[in-house]
N, C-alpha and C. Protein backbone atom coordinates (compact mmCIF):
# COMPACT_ATOMS: atom_id res chain seq x y z
N MET A 1 20.57 3.61 24.51
CA MET A 1 20.65 4.95 24.02
C MET A 1 19.35 5.68 24.37
N GLU A 2 19.46 6.85 24.93
CA GLU A 2 18.28 7.61 25.32
C GLU A 2 17.66 8.28 24.10
N LEU A 3 16.33 8.18 23.99
CA LEU A 3 15.64 8.78 22.87
C LEU A 3 15.27 10.21 23.21
N SER A 4 15.39 11.07 22.23
CA SER A 4 15.20 12.50 22.45
C SER A 4 13.85 12.98 21.94
N ARG A 5 13.22 13.86 22.69
CA ARG A 5 11.99 14.49 22.23
C ARG A 5 12.30 15.82 21.53
N THR A 6 13.58 16.17 21.44
CA THR A 6 13.93 17.40 20.73
C THR A 6 13.77 17.16 19.24
N HIS A 7 13.74 18.23 18.51
CA HIS A 7 13.45 18.11 17.08
C HIS A 7 14.69 17.98 16.22
N HIS A 8 15.53 16.98 16.53
CA HIS A 8 16.63 16.64 15.64
C HIS A 8 16.01 16.06 14.38
N THR A 9 16.73 16.13 13.31
CA THR A 9 16.24 15.61 12.04
C THR A 9 15.96 14.11 12.16
N ILE A 10 14.80 13.72 11.67
CA ILE A 10 14.43 12.30 11.63
C ILE A 10 14.71 11.82 10.21
N GLN A 11 15.58 10.83 10.09
CA GLN A 11 15.88 10.23 8.80
C GLN A 11 15.10 8.92 8.69
N VAL A 12 14.59 8.64 7.51
CA VAL A 12 13.94 7.37 7.25
C VAL A 12 14.82 6.61 6.26
N ILE A 13 15.24 5.41 6.67
CA ILE A 13 16.15 4.60 5.87
C ILE A 13 15.55 3.21 5.64
N ARG A 14 16.08 2.53 4.65
CA ARG A 14 15.78 1.11 4.45
C ARG A 14 16.81 0.33 5.25
N PRO A 15 16.43 -0.75 5.93
CA PRO A 15 17.42 -1.53 6.68
C PRO A 15 18.43 -2.16 5.73
N GLN A 16 19.69 -1.86 5.97
CA GLN A 16 20.75 -2.39 5.11
C GLN A 16 21.80 -3.16 5.90
N ARG A 17 22.12 -2.65 7.08
CA ARG A 17 23.15 -3.30 7.90
C ARG A 17 22.52 -4.42 8.73
N GLU A 18 23.34 -5.33 9.16
CA GLU A 18 22.86 -6.41 10.03
C GLU A 18 22.29 -5.84 11.32
N ALA A 19 22.89 -4.76 11.84
CA ALA A 19 22.38 -4.12 13.06
C ALA A 19 20.96 -3.60 12.85
N ASP A 20 20.67 -3.08 11.66
CA ASP A 20 19.31 -2.60 11.34
C ASP A 20 18.32 -3.76 11.40
N ARG A 21 18.70 -4.86 10.75
CA ARG A 21 17.80 -6.03 10.69
C ARG A 21 17.59 -6.64 12.08
N GLN A 22 18.66 -6.69 12.87
CA GLN A 22 18.54 -7.26 14.22
C GLN A 22 17.65 -6.37 15.09
N TRP A 23 17.80 -5.05 14.98
CA TRP A 23 16.95 -4.15 15.76
C TRP A 23 15.49 -4.32 15.37
N LEU A 24 15.23 -4.46 14.07
CA LEU A 24 13.87 -4.65 13.58
C LEU A 24 13.29 -5.96 14.10
N LEU A 25 14.09 -7.01 14.09
CA LEU A 25 13.66 -8.31 14.62
C LEU A 25 13.34 -8.20 16.11
N ASP A 26 14.20 -7.54 16.86
CA ASP A 26 13.96 -7.34 18.30
C ASP A 26 12.68 -6.53 18.52
N LEU A 27 12.45 -5.51 17.69
CA LEU A 27 11.24 -4.70 17.79
C LEU A 27 10.00 -5.55 17.56
N TRP A 28 10.00 -6.36 16.51
CA TRP A 28 8.85 -7.23 16.22
C TRP A 28 8.61 -8.20 17.38
N ASN A 29 9.68 -8.79 17.90
CA ASN A 29 9.52 -9.72 19.01
C ASN A 29 8.92 -9.03 20.22
N ARG A 30 9.40 -7.83 20.53
CA ARG A 30 8.93 -7.10 21.71
C ARG A 30 7.52 -6.54 21.52
N GLU A 31 7.27 -5.92 20.38
CA GLU A 31 6.00 -5.21 20.17
C GLU A 31 4.90 -6.06 19.55
N TRP A 32 5.27 -7.08 18.78
CA TRP A 32 4.27 -7.86 18.05
C TRP A 32 4.28 -9.33 18.45
N GLY A 33 5.07 -9.71 19.46
CA GLY A 33 5.00 -11.06 20.00
C GLY A 33 5.61 -12.15 19.16
N GLY A 34 6.58 -11.82 18.31
CA GLY A 34 7.23 -12.87 17.55
C GLY A 34 7.79 -12.37 16.22
N GLU A 35 8.26 -13.33 15.42
CA GLU A 35 8.89 -13.01 14.15
C GLU A 35 7.90 -13.10 12.99
N THR A 36 6.63 -13.30 13.30
CA THR A 36 5.61 -13.34 12.26
C THR A 36 4.49 -12.35 12.59
N MET A 37 3.79 -11.97 11.53
CA MET A 37 2.64 -11.07 11.66
C MET A 37 1.49 -11.76 10.94
N VAL A 38 0.32 -11.81 11.57
CA VAL A 38 -0.86 -12.38 10.93
C VAL A 38 -1.79 -11.22 10.59
N SER A 39 -2.12 -11.09 9.31
CA SER A 39 -3.00 -10.03 8.86
C SER A 39 -3.92 -10.55 7.78
N ARG A 40 -5.20 -10.37 7.97
CA ARG A 40 -6.21 -10.81 7.01
C ARG A 40 -6.03 -12.28 6.64
N GLY A 41 -5.71 -13.08 7.65
CA GLY A 41 -5.58 -14.51 7.45
C GLY A 41 -4.26 -14.97 6.86
N ARG A 42 -3.37 -14.04 6.53
CA ARG A 42 -2.07 -14.40 5.98
C ARG A 42 -1.00 -14.26 7.05
N VAL A 43 0.00 -15.12 6.99
CA VAL A 43 1.12 -15.04 7.91
C VAL A 43 2.32 -14.48 7.16
N TYR A 44 2.90 -13.42 7.71
CA TYR A 44 4.07 -12.80 7.11
C TYR A 44 5.26 -12.98 8.04
N ARG A 45 6.40 -13.32 7.45
CA ARG A 45 7.65 -13.38 8.21
C ARG A 45 8.42 -12.10 7.95
N LEU A 46 9.15 -11.64 8.93
CA LEU A 46 9.88 -10.38 8.81
C LEU A 46 10.78 -10.35 7.58
N GLU A 47 11.46 -11.47 7.31
CA GLU A 47 12.39 -11.46 6.18
C GLU A 47 11.70 -11.38 4.81
N ASP A 48 10.37 -11.53 4.80
CA ASP A 48 9.62 -11.51 3.54
C ASP A 48 8.91 -10.18 3.26
N VAL A 49 9.11 -9.19 4.12
CA VAL A 49 8.40 -7.92 3.96
C VAL A 49 9.41 -6.79 3.77
N GLU A 50 8.91 -5.66 3.29
CA GLU A 50 9.75 -4.47 3.15
C GLU A 50 9.66 -3.67 4.45
N ALA A 51 10.68 -2.86 4.70
CA ALA A 51 10.71 -2.09 5.94
C ALA A 51 11.37 -0.74 5.73
N VAL A 52 10.97 0.20 6.58
CA VAL A 52 11.66 1.48 6.71
C VAL A 52 11.88 1.71 8.20
N ILE A 53 13.01 2.36 8.51
CA ILE A 53 13.37 2.62 9.91
C ILE A 53 13.61 4.11 10.07
N ALA A 54 13.09 4.66 11.16
CA ALA A 54 13.33 6.07 11.48
C ALA A 54 14.51 6.15 12.44
N VAL A 55 15.42 7.07 12.13
CA VAL A 55 16.62 7.26 12.95
C VAL A 55 16.71 8.75 13.30
N GLN A 56 17.01 9.01 14.58
CA GLN A 56 17.18 10.39 15.04
C GLN A 56 18.44 10.45 15.88
N GLY A 57 19.37 11.29 15.48
CA GLY A 57 20.61 11.44 16.24
C GLY A 57 21.35 10.14 16.47
N GLY A 58 21.31 9.24 15.49
CA GLY A 58 22.01 7.97 15.60
C GLY A 58 21.23 6.87 16.32
N ALA A 59 20.04 7.19 16.85
CA ALA A 59 19.23 6.19 17.56
C ALA A 59 18.02 5.79 16.71
N TYR A 60 17.68 4.51 16.78
CA TYR A 60 16.46 4.04 16.13
C TYR A 60 15.26 4.58 16.91
N VAL A 61 14.32 5.20 16.22
CA VAL A 61 13.16 5.77 16.90
C VAL A 61 11.83 5.25 16.36
N GLY A 62 11.88 4.33 15.39
CA GLY A 62 10.64 3.76 14.88
C GLY A 62 10.87 2.95 13.63
N ALA A 63 9.83 2.23 13.24
CA ALA A 63 9.91 1.40 12.03
C ALA A 63 8.51 1.12 11.51
N ALA A 64 8.46 0.84 10.22
CA ALA A 64 7.22 0.40 9.58
C ALA A 64 7.56 -0.75 8.65
N THR A 65 6.66 -1.73 8.55
CA THR A 65 6.84 -2.84 7.62
C THR A 65 5.60 -2.92 6.73
N PHE A 66 5.82 -3.39 5.50
CA PHE A 66 4.73 -3.41 4.53
C PHE A 66 5.02 -4.39 3.40
N VAL A 67 3.98 -4.72 2.65
CA VAL A 67 4.11 -5.52 1.44
C VAL A 67 3.31 -4.82 0.35
N VAL A 68 3.80 -4.91 -0.87
CA VAL A 68 3.08 -4.37 -2.02
C VAL A 68 2.70 -5.55 -2.91
N LEU A 69 1.40 -5.72 -3.12
CA LEU A 69 0.88 -6.78 -3.98
C LEU A 69 -0.01 -6.12 -5.02
N ASP A 70 0.47 -6.09 -6.25
CA ASP A 70 -0.25 -5.46 -7.36
C ASP A 70 -0.57 -4.00 -7.04
N GLU A 71 -1.85 -3.65 -6.98
CA GLU A 71 -2.22 -2.25 -6.77
C GLU A 71 -2.41 -1.89 -5.31
N GLU A 72 -2.14 -2.83 -4.41
CA GLU A 72 -2.36 -2.57 -2.99
C GLU A 72 -1.07 -2.71 -2.19
N CYS A 73 -0.86 -1.76 -1.31
CA CYS A 73 0.20 -1.85 -0.33
C CYS A 73 -0.47 -2.11 1.01
N GLU A 74 -0.02 -3.14 1.70
CA GLU A 74 -0.56 -3.37 3.04
C GLU A 74 0.49 -2.99 4.07
N LEU A 75 0.13 -2.03 4.91
CA LEU A 75 0.97 -1.64 6.04
C LEU A 75 0.78 -2.69 7.12
N LEU A 76 1.85 -3.39 7.48
CA LEU A 76 1.75 -4.46 8.46
C LEU A 76 2.02 -3.98 9.88
N SER A 77 2.98 -3.07 10.02
CA SER A 77 3.29 -2.58 11.36
C SER A 77 3.81 -1.16 11.26
N LEU A 78 3.54 -0.40 12.30
CA LEU A 78 4.08 0.96 12.43
C LEU A 78 4.33 1.17 13.92
N ASN A 79 5.59 1.40 14.26
CA ASN A 79 5.97 1.64 15.64
C ASN A 79 6.75 2.93 15.75
N SER A 80 6.27 3.84 16.56
CA SER A 80 6.99 5.07 16.87
C SER A 80 7.40 5.00 18.33
N LEU A 81 8.71 5.10 18.59
CA LEU A 81 9.20 4.97 19.95
C LEU A 81 9.27 6.31 20.68
N VAL A 82 9.10 7.40 19.93
CA VAL A 82 9.08 8.74 20.51
C VAL A 82 7.84 9.43 19.97
N GLU A 83 6.94 9.81 20.85
CA GLU A 83 5.69 10.43 20.39
C GLU A 83 5.82 11.94 20.29
N GLY A 84 5.04 12.51 19.39
CA GLY A 84 4.90 13.94 19.32
C GLY A 84 5.94 14.69 18.51
N ILE A 85 6.83 13.96 17.80
CA ILE A 85 7.84 14.66 16.99
C ILE A 85 7.77 14.27 15.52
N GLY A 86 6.75 13.52 15.13
CA GLY A 86 6.54 13.21 13.72
C GLY A 86 7.12 11.90 13.22
N VAL A 87 7.57 11.04 14.10
CA VAL A 87 8.15 9.76 13.68
C VAL A 87 7.14 8.93 12.90
N GLY A 88 5.96 8.73 13.46
CA GLY A 88 4.93 7.93 12.80
C GLY A 88 4.51 8.52 11.47
N THR A 89 4.35 9.83 11.43
CA THR A 89 3.96 10.50 10.20
C THR A 89 5.02 10.32 9.13
N ARG A 90 6.30 10.48 9.49
CA ARG A 90 7.39 10.32 8.52
C ARG A 90 7.45 8.88 7.99
N LEU A 91 7.27 7.90 8.89
CA LEU A 91 7.29 6.50 8.46
C LEU A 91 6.12 6.21 7.53
N LEU A 92 4.94 6.69 7.88
CA LEU A 92 3.76 6.45 7.05
C LEU A 92 3.94 7.08 5.68
N GLN A 93 4.49 8.28 5.62
CA GLN A 93 4.75 8.95 4.35
C GLN A 93 5.74 8.15 3.50
N ALA A 94 6.76 7.59 4.13
CA ALA A 94 7.75 6.78 3.40
C ALA A 94 7.10 5.53 2.82
N VAL A 95 6.19 4.91 3.56
CA VAL A 95 5.48 3.73 3.06
C VAL A 95 4.59 4.13 1.88
N GLU A 96 3.86 5.23 2.03
CA GLU A 96 2.99 5.69 0.94
C GLU A 96 3.82 6.01 -0.31
N ASP A 97 4.97 6.65 -0.13
CA ASP A 97 5.84 6.96 -1.27
C ASP A 97 6.32 5.68 -1.96
N ALA A 98 6.72 4.68 -1.17
CA ALA A 98 7.18 3.40 -1.73
C ALA A 98 6.04 2.71 -2.48
N ALA A 99 4.84 2.79 -1.93
CA ALA A 99 3.66 2.19 -2.57
C ALA A 99 3.40 2.85 -3.92
N LYS A 100 3.44 4.16 -3.95
CA LYS A 100 3.21 4.88 -5.21
C LYS A 100 4.28 4.53 -6.24
N GLN A 101 5.54 4.47 -5.80
CA GLN A 101 6.64 4.11 -6.71
C GLN A 101 6.45 2.72 -7.28
N ALA A 102 5.85 1.81 -6.50
CA ALA A 102 5.64 0.43 -6.94
C ALA A 102 4.37 0.30 -7.79
N GLY A 103 3.65 1.40 -7.96
CA GLY A 103 2.45 1.36 -8.79
C GLY A 103 1.16 1.06 -8.05
N ALA A 104 1.21 1.04 -6.74
CA ALA A 104 0.00 0.78 -5.95
C ALA A 104 -0.91 2.02 -5.97
N SER A 105 -2.21 1.78 -5.88
CA SER A 105 -3.18 2.88 -5.87
C SER A 105 -3.77 3.12 -4.50
N ARG A 106 -3.34 2.32 -3.52
CA ARG A 106 -3.90 2.47 -2.17
C ARG A 106 -2.99 1.79 -1.14
N VAL A 107 -3.15 2.25 0.10
CA VAL A 107 -2.53 1.59 1.25
C VAL A 107 -3.66 1.11 2.14
N THR A 108 -3.58 -0.13 2.54
CA THR A 108 -4.55 -0.73 3.44
C THR A 108 -3.82 -1.15 4.70
N LEU A 109 -4.50 -1.05 5.82
CA LEU A 109 -3.91 -1.50 7.08
C LEU A 109 -4.98 -2.11 7.95
N ILE A 110 -4.53 -2.90 8.88
CA ILE A 110 -5.41 -3.52 9.87
C ILE A 110 -4.97 -3.04 11.24
N THR A 111 -5.92 -2.63 12.04
CA THR A 111 -5.64 -2.38 13.44
C THR A 111 -6.65 -3.17 14.25
N SER A 112 -6.39 -3.31 15.51
CA SER A 112 -7.29 -4.08 16.37
C SER A 112 -8.38 -3.19 16.94
N ASN A 113 -9.46 -3.82 17.33
CA ASN A 113 -10.64 -3.08 17.80
C ASN A 113 -10.38 -2.24 19.04
N ASP A 114 -9.29 -2.49 19.75
CA ASP A 114 -8.98 -1.73 20.96
C ASP A 114 -8.12 -0.50 20.70
N ASN A 115 -7.55 -0.38 19.50
CA ASN A 115 -6.52 0.63 19.25
C ASN A 115 -7.12 1.95 18.76
N LEU A 116 -7.80 2.63 19.66
CA LEU A 116 -8.47 3.89 19.32
C LEU A 116 -7.46 4.97 18.93
N LYS A 117 -6.30 4.96 19.55
CA LYS A 117 -5.26 5.93 19.24
C LYS A 117 -4.79 5.78 17.79
N ALA A 118 -4.61 4.54 17.35
CA ALA A 118 -4.20 4.30 15.96
C ALA A 118 -5.29 4.75 15.00
N MET A 119 -6.53 4.45 15.31
CA MET A 119 -7.64 4.86 14.43
C MET A 119 -7.66 6.38 14.27
N ARG A 120 -7.44 7.08 15.36
CA ARG A 120 -7.39 8.55 15.31
C ARG A 120 -6.20 9.01 14.46
N PHE A 121 -5.02 8.43 14.69
CA PHE A 121 -3.80 8.77 13.94
C PHE A 121 -4.03 8.63 12.43
N TYR A 122 -4.53 7.48 12.01
CA TYR A 122 -4.69 7.22 10.58
C TYR A 122 -5.79 8.09 9.96
N GLN A 123 -6.88 8.30 10.67
CA GLN A 123 -7.94 9.15 10.11
C GLN A 123 -7.43 10.57 9.87
N ARG A 124 -6.61 11.07 10.77
CA ARG A 124 -6.07 12.42 10.62
C ARG A 124 -5.14 12.51 9.41
N ARG A 125 -4.68 11.37 8.88
CA ARG A 125 -3.78 11.35 7.75
C ARG A 125 -4.46 10.82 6.48
N GLY A 126 -5.80 10.91 6.45
CA GLY A 126 -6.54 10.60 5.24
C GLY A 126 -7.04 9.18 5.08
N TYR A 127 -6.88 8.34 6.09
CA TYR A 127 -7.35 6.96 6.01
C TYR A 127 -8.82 6.90 6.44
N ARG A 128 -9.54 5.98 5.80
CA ARG A 128 -10.97 5.82 6.11
C ARG A 128 -11.23 4.37 6.48
N PHE A 129 -12.29 4.17 7.24
CA PHE A 129 -12.69 2.81 7.60
C PHE A 129 -13.19 2.12 6.34
N HIS A 130 -12.73 0.89 6.14
CA HIS A 130 -13.11 0.14 4.95
C HIS A 130 -13.94 -1.10 5.32
N ALA A 131 -13.58 -1.76 6.42
CA ALA A 131 -14.31 -2.97 6.82
C ALA A 131 -14.00 -3.30 8.28
N VAL A 132 -14.92 -4.05 8.87
CA VAL A 132 -14.71 -4.65 10.18
C VAL A 132 -14.76 -6.15 9.98
N HIS A 133 -13.69 -6.83 10.38
CA HIS A 133 -13.62 -8.28 10.25
C HIS A 133 -13.88 -8.87 11.63
N VAL A 134 -15.14 -9.18 11.87
CA VAL A 134 -15.59 -9.65 13.18
C VAL A 134 -14.97 -11.02 13.47
N GLY A 135 -14.33 -11.12 14.64
CA GLY A 135 -13.74 -12.38 15.07
C GLY A 135 -12.40 -12.72 14.43
N ALA A 136 -11.87 -11.83 13.60
CA ALA A 136 -10.62 -12.14 12.88
C ALA A 136 -9.43 -12.32 13.82
N ILE A 137 -9.39 -11.56 14.91
CA ILE A 137 -8.27 -11.71 15.85
C ILE A 137 -8.39 -13.03 16.60
N ASP A 138 -9.62 -13.44 16.90
CA ASP A 138 -9.82 -14.76 17.52
C ASP A 138 -9.27 -15.87 16.62
N GLU A 139 -9.51 -15.74 15.30
CA GLU A 139 -8.99 -16.72 14.34
C GLU A 139 -7.47 -16.65 14.24
N ALA A 140 -6.93 -15.43 14.21
CA ALA A 140 -5.47 -15.27 14.11
C ALA A 140 -4.77 -15.85 15.33
N ARG A 141 -5.42 -15.75 16.49
CA ARG A 141 -4.84 -16.28 17.73
C ARG A 141 -4.62 -17.79 17.64
N LYS A 142 -5.42 -18.49 16.83
CA LYS A 142 -5.24 -19.94 16.65
C LYS A 142 -3.91 -20.23 15.96
N ARG A 143 -3.48 -19.32 15.05
CA ARG A 143 -2.21 -19.48 14.34
C ARG A 143 -1.05 -18.90 15.14
N LYS A 144 -1.35 -17.86 15.93
CA LYS A 144 -0.31 -17.17 16.69
C LYS A 144 -0.82 -16.99 18.12
N PRO A 145 -0.63 -18.00 18.96
CA PRO A 145 -1.16 -17.98 20.33
C PRO A 145 -0.63 -16.84 21.21
N SER A 146 0.46 -16.19 20.79
CA SER A 146 1.01 -15.09 21.60
C SER A 146 0.14 -13.83 21.53
N ILE A 147 -0.85 -13.79 20.65
CA ILE A 147 -1.75 -12.63 20.59
C ILE A 147 -2.55 -12.59 21.88
N PRO A 148 -2.47 -11.49 22.62
CA PRO A 148 -3.17 -11.44 23.91
C PRO A 148 -4.70 -11.40 23.76
N ARG A 149 -5.38 -11.74 24.83
CA ARG A 149 -6.85 -11.71 24.82
C ARG A 149 -7.37 -10.33 25.19
N LEU A 150 -6.59 -9.59 25.97
CA LEU A 150 -6.97 -8.22 26.35
C LEU A 150 -6.02 -7.24 25.70
N GLY A 151 -6.58 -6.15 25.20
CA GLY A 151 -5.77 -5.13 24.54
C GLY A 151 -5.66 -3.87 25.37
N LEU A 152 -5.50 -2.77 24.68
CA LEU A 152 -5.35 -1.46 25.32
C LEU A 152 -6.58 -1.13 26.16
N ASP A 153 -6.35 -0.51 27.29
CA ASP A 153 -7.42 -0.10 28.20
C ASP A 153 -8.32 -1.25 28.64
N GLY A 154 -7.78 -2.48 28.62
CA GLY A 154 -8.54 -3.64 29.07
C GLY A 154 -9.65 -4.05 28.11
N ILE A 155 -9.61 -3.59 26.87
CA ILE A 155 -10.64 -3.93 25.87
C ILE A 155 -10.32 -5.31 25.31
N PRO A 156 -11.30 -6.24 25.34
CA PRO A 156 -11.06 -7.57 24.76
C PRO A 156 -10.75 -7.48 23.26
N LEU A 157 -9.73 -8.22 22.84
CA LEU A 157 -9.31 -8.24 21.43
C LEU A 157 -10.07 -9.31 20.67
N HIS A 158 -10.85 -8.89 19.70
CA HIS A 158 -11.63 -9.83 18.88
C HIS A 158 -11.59 -9.52 17.39
N ASP A 159 -11.69 -8.23 17.03
CA ASP A 159 -11.97 -7.85 15.65
C ASP A 159 -10.84 -7.04 15.02
N GLU A 160 -10.71 -7.19 13.70
CA GLU A 160 -9.78 -6.38 12.93
C GLU A 160 -10.56 -5.23 12.29
N ILE A 161 -9.99 -4.04 12.37
CA ILE A 161 -10.55 -2.87 11.71
C ILE A 161 -9.67 -2.59 10.50
N GLU A 162 -10.24 -2.63 9.32
CA GLU A 162 -9.48 -2.38 8.09
C GLU A 162 -9.68 -0.92 7.68
N MET A 163 -8.57 -0.24 7.48
CA MET A 163 -8.59 1.16 7.06
C MET A 163 -7.84 1.25 5.74
N ARG A 164 -8.18 2.29 4.95
CA ARG A 164 -7.61 2.39 3.61
C ARG A 164 -7.47 3.84 3.20
N LYS A 165 -6.40 4.11 2.48
CA LYS A 165 -6.21 5.42 1.84
C LYS A 165 -6.00 5.15 0.35
N VAL A 166 -6.80 5.82 -0.48
CA VAL A 166 -6.75 5.65 -1.93
C VAL A 166 -6.30 6.97 -2.54
N TRP A 167 -5.47 6.89 -3.57
CA TRP A 167 -5.10 8.11 -4.30
C TRP A 167 -5.33 7.95 -5.78
């Protein structure tokens, strides 16, 4: 299905149908190198996390996954398949809304040291740098060998950048 850059309404849904879950699984395999996510030393399986999916004109155009633990929501993944029409912003807002409903007081996320575009995206939406976990990606690679050694723009992947939004 061809994705549109036109401004059709973007709906954000929770995965309910088997087709939704299969698409999300395929997305994680393609974009994140498998059915698990390693963040801050923890391993998450797709079936153990919450998710929201963005749909435009009947086509999947993005997804976000997250977990809420007590007062913190951790955003595990955010993928927008169409840039410039608000998919990422809508998904992030849906995660923040779910976090607030669950009683969380903040959203925390990890990005890699090479992902300057993500750092810019999140800062523009009120997220601030909270910590740098030096060597954390090197450690995660021991648990998940599919994590590449080189990232965006040929930048070596070594460190996790922790960002946070508090309300």
